Structures are given as structure tokens and as C-alpha cells.
Amino acid sequence: MVTNIHIERLVLEGISVPYHQHALLQQALQVELARLLAQGGLSPALLGGGAAPAVQAGALNLAEGAHPAEIGRQIARSVYSGLGAGEPAPGGKSNA
């Protein structure tokens, strides 16, 4: 099954990432979200397709000065909590 997800806008309040590191954050987010979806799938409500105007994602717990790749992975886990069929596997890290 092929799953396509389009995130039109991602609002991050209180997180500052230098412009030159945005691509690193984006890549880490994409890789981790793809891994989580491949491993856990989508929630039954989204399996039939369609669009969601917004997804409530969980809060992030970031250490001061967190690396953009780690921020991206945590954002992916948070977004997945609003899309996925279950909890992401613990300790599953990607190398973004």
C-alpha cells in the first residue's frame, strides 16, 4: 500500500532553528515519519483516504540547544501520534 502525506504548513511555536538548518530538520522529519507509518500504519479513520484540515500533535520535550535532526524526529513522532494506528516503537531511531 502506498501512503502519500502532504503537510502544507507546520507551525512550530517557541522553536528556533537557523534558516540554513531547515532542510536538515525537514529531512529528519520525513525519514522518521515514513518509518513510523511503515511500521505502525495509519489510524483506521484515515485508511480510506481524504484530507484532514488539521492534526493535533502531542507536545515536544526538547532539550535546550537540541540538534535540528533530533527536533525533526521528535516532530515526526508528535505528528504520528495524531495520524498513526498506535504508539511508535520505542527506541526506533532513524539516521537522518
Protein backbone atom coordinates (compact mmCIF):
# COMPACT_ATOMS: atom_id res chain seq x y z
CA MET A 1 0.00 0.00 0.00
CA VAL A 2 1.29 3.45 -0.89
CA THR A 3 0.65 6.29 1.52
CA ASN A 4 1.08 9.90 0.48
CA ILE A 5 1.04 12.62 3.09
CA HIS A 6 1.21 16.29 2.26
CA ILE A 7 1.91 18.69 5.09
CA GLU A 8 1.06 22.10 3.73
CA ARG A 9 2.11 24.04 6.78
CA LEU A 10 3.86 23.09 10.00
CA VAL A 11 3.58 25.62 12.82
CA LEU A 12 6.29 25.40 15.46
CA GLU A 13 5.80 27.83 18.30
CA GLY A 14 8.76 28.53 20.56
CA ILE A 15 11.28 26.55 18.47
CA SER A 16 14.08 28.41 16.80
CA VAL A 17 16.06 26.68 14.06
CA PRO A 18 18.53 28.66 11.94
CA TYR A 19 17.39 29.02 8.35
CA HIS A 20 20.41 27.14 6.97
CA GLN A 21 19.38 24.09 9.06
CA HIS A 22 15.72 23.94 7.97
CA ALA A 23 16.50 21.30 5.33
CA LEU A 24 18.13 19.07 7.94
CA LEU A 25 15.07 19.30 10.19
CA GLN A 26 12.76 18.63 7.23
CA GLN A 27 14.72 15.58 6.09
CA ALA A 28 14.79 14.08 9.59
CA LEU A 29 11.05 14.67 9.95
CA GLN A 30 10.29 13.00 6.60
CA VAL A 31 12.51 9.97 7.26
CA GLU A 32 11.15 9.38 10.78
CA LEU A 33 7.51 9.89 9.80
CA ALA A 34 7.92 7.46 6.88
CA ARG A 35 9.50 4.91 9.23
CA LEU A 36 6.70 5.25 11.77
CA LEU A 37 3.98 4.94 9.12
CA ALA A 38 5.67 1.91 7.56
CA GLN A 39 5.96 0.26 10.95
CA GLY A 40 2.65 1.22 12.54
CA GLY A 41 0.34 2.30 9.73
CA LEU A 42 -2.41 4.89 9.75
CA SER A 43 -5.32 5.16 12.11
CA PRO A 44 -8.46 3.37 10.87
CA ALA A 45 -10.18 6.75 10.42
CA LEU A 46 -7.60 7.76 7.79
CA LEU A 47 -7.16 4.45 5.97
CA GLY A 48 -9.89 5.26 3.46
CA GLY A 49 -8.10 8.40 2.33
CA GLY A 50 -9.16 12.00 2.39
CA ALA A 51 -7.84 15.15 3.91
CA ALA A 52 -7.57 16.40 7.45
CA PRO A 53 -7.65 20.18 7.82
CA ALA A 54 -5.52 19.93 10.96
CA VAL A 55 -3.88 17.27 13.08
CA GLN A 56 -3.44 17.70 16.80
CA ALA A 57 0.07 16.62 17.59
CA GLY A 58 1.47 15.97 21.01
CA ALA A 59 3.79 18.32 22.86
CA LEU A 60 7.52 18.17 22.29
CA ASN A 61 10.03 17.78 25.07
CA LEU A 62 13.19 19.29 23.63
CA ALA A 63 16.47 19.84 25.41
CA GLU A 64 17.96 23.32 25.20
CA GLY A 65 20.02 23.56 22.02
CA ALA A 66 18.63 20.34 20.51
CA HIS A 67 20.08 19.46 17.10
CA PRO A 68 17.71 20.15 14.18
CA ALA A 69 17.71 16.46 13.18
CA GLU A 70 16.53 15.46 16.66
CA ILE A 71 13.89 18.20 16.57
CA GLY A 72 12.70 16.81 13.22
CA ARG A 73 12.46 13.27 14.60
CA GLN A 74 10.52 14.45 17.64
CA ILE A 75 8.15 16.47 15.45
CA ALA A 76 7.57 13.35 13.32
CA ARG A 77 6.70 11.30 16.42
CA SER A 78 4.36 14.02 17.57
CA VAL A 79 2.62 14.24 14.17
CA TYR A 80 2.40 10.45 14.02
CA SER A 81 0.58 10.46 17.35
CA GLY A 82 -2.23 12.28 15.52
CA LEU A 83 -2.16 10.10 12.39
CA GLY A 84 -0.99 6.68 13.37
CA ALA A 85 -2.64 3.41 14.26
CA GLY A 86 -0.77 3.13 17.52
CA GLU A 87 2.23 4.17 19.55
CA PRO A 88 5.55 4.39 17.72
CA ALA A 89 8.00 1.67 18.62
CA PRO A 90 10.30 2.71 21.44
CA GLY A 91 13.94 3.16 20.58
CA GLY A 92 13.29 3.14 16.85
CA LYS A 93 15.67 5.77 15.58
CA SER A 94 16.47 6.66 12.05
CA ASN A 95 19.75 8.04 10.87
CA ALA A 96 18.75 11.32 9.32
